[in-house]
Protein backbone atom coordinates (compact mmCIF):
# COMPACT_ATOMS: atom_id res chain seq x y z
CA MET A 1 -48.90 -44.64 99.47
CA HIS A 2 -52.45 -45.42 100.58
CA LYS A 3 -55.05 -42.66 100.91
CA ILE A 4 -56.42 -41.74 104.35
CA LEU A 5 -60.21 -41.63 104.08
CA SER A 6 -61.00 -40.32 107.55
CA LYS A 7 -59.39 -39.48 110.86
CA THR A 8 -61.17 -39.69 114.23
CA LEU A 9 -59.72 -38.55 117.54
CA LEU A 10 -60.74 -41.21 120.09
CA SER A 11 -58.93 -39.61 123.03
CA PRO A 12 -56.21 -36.97 123.41
CA ASN A 13 -53.46 -39.36 122.25
CA VAL A 14 -55.40 -42.11 120.39
CA THR A 15 -56.43 -41.68 116.76
CA ARG A 16 -58.35 -43.91 114.34
CA LEU A 17 -57.34 -43.71 110.69
CA ASP A 18 -59.53 -45.26 107.99
CA VAL A 19 -57.24 -46.08 105.08
CA LEU A 20 -58.08 -47.08 101.51
CA ALA A 21 -56.54 -50.54 101.09
CA PRO A 22 -58.95 -52.71 99.02
CA ARG A 23 -56.74 -55.80 98.75
CA ILE A 24 -55.98 -55.88 102.48
CA ALA A 25 -59.64 -55.27 103.37
CA GLN A 26 -60.63 -58.31 101.27
CA ILE A 27 -58.06 -60.82 102.56
CA ARG A 28 -57.34 -59.77 106.15
CA LEU A 29 -58.03 -62.17 109.02
CA PRO A 30 -58.55 -61.48 112.76
CA GLY A 31 -55.30 -60.69 114.55
CA GLN A 32 -53.36 -59.66 111.47
CA PHE A 33 -51.40 -56.45 111.25
CA VAL A 34 -49.87 -54.17 108.66
CA ILE A 35 -46.50 -52.45 108.57
CA VAL A 36 -46.92 -48.68 108.25
CA ARG A 37 -44.32 -46.05 107.38
CA ARG A 38 -44.86 -42.28 107.33
CA GLY A 39 -42.70 -41.98 104.20
CA GLU A 40 -39.70 -43.38 102.34
CA GLY A 41 -36.96 -44.41 104.75
CA ALA A 42 -39.13 -43.79 107.83
CA GLU A 43 -39.45 -46.19 110.75
CA ARG A 44 -41.59 -49.29 110.13
CA ILE A 45 -44.46 -49.54 112.64
CA PRO A 46 -46.58 -52.71 113.00
CA LEU A 47 -50.25 -51.84 113.61
CA THR A 48 -53.12 -54.26 114.18
CA ILE A 49 -56.00 -53.99 111.73
CA ALA A 50 -58.76 -52.85 114.09
CA ASP A 51 -61.59 -53.16 111.54
CA ALA A 52 -62.18 -53.56 107.82
CA ASN A 53 -64.90 -52.72 105.34
CA PRO A 54 -64.37 -54.92 102.26
CA GLY A 55 -67.25 -53.20 100.43
CA ALA A 56 -65.62 -49.79 100.79
CA GLY A 57 -62.11 -51.25 100.45
CA SER A 58 -60.92 -49.71 103.71
CA ILE A 59 -59.19 -50.78 106.89
CA ALA A 60 -59.14 -49.05 110.28
CA LEU A 61 -55.95 -48.50 112.24
CA VAL A 62 -55.93 -47.25 115.84
CA ILE A 63 -52.75 -45.37 116.73
CA GLN A 64 -51.60 -44.34 120.19
CA ALA A 65 -49.32 -41.34 119.77
CA ALA A 66 -46.55 -42.43 122.14
CA GLY A 67 -43.34 -41.69 120.25
CA LYS A 68 -42.07 -39.54 117.40
CA SER A 69 -43.22 -41.85 114.58
CA THR A 70 -46.68 -42.53 115.98
CA ARG A 71 -47.21 -38.81 116.66
CA GLU A 72 -46.32 -38.11 113.02
CA LEU A 73 -48.79 -40.78 111.83
CA ALA A 74 -51.56 -39.41 114.03
CA ALA A 75 -50.89 -35.91 112.64
CA LEU A 76 -51.55 -36.97 109.02
C-alpha cells in the first residue's frame, strides 16, 4: 500500500490526495491513470494522475466522493 503524504479538501465533495509513488511519478505521461483500491478485495477505481512531482516521488489524485468507494478513499 502506498503512503498518503497529504490530503487537501478542494470543495465539500472533492479531495486531493498526494501519494508516495516514486516509480509512477518518474514514468507517468499526460492522460495516464492508476487503479486504486481502498484495501484487499475492495473495488478497483481508475483515477487520472492529476499531477506528479518526480523529485519528491509523489503523484496527486483528485477524488470526487460520489459513491461508497470514493467516499471511503476521500476519508483516508
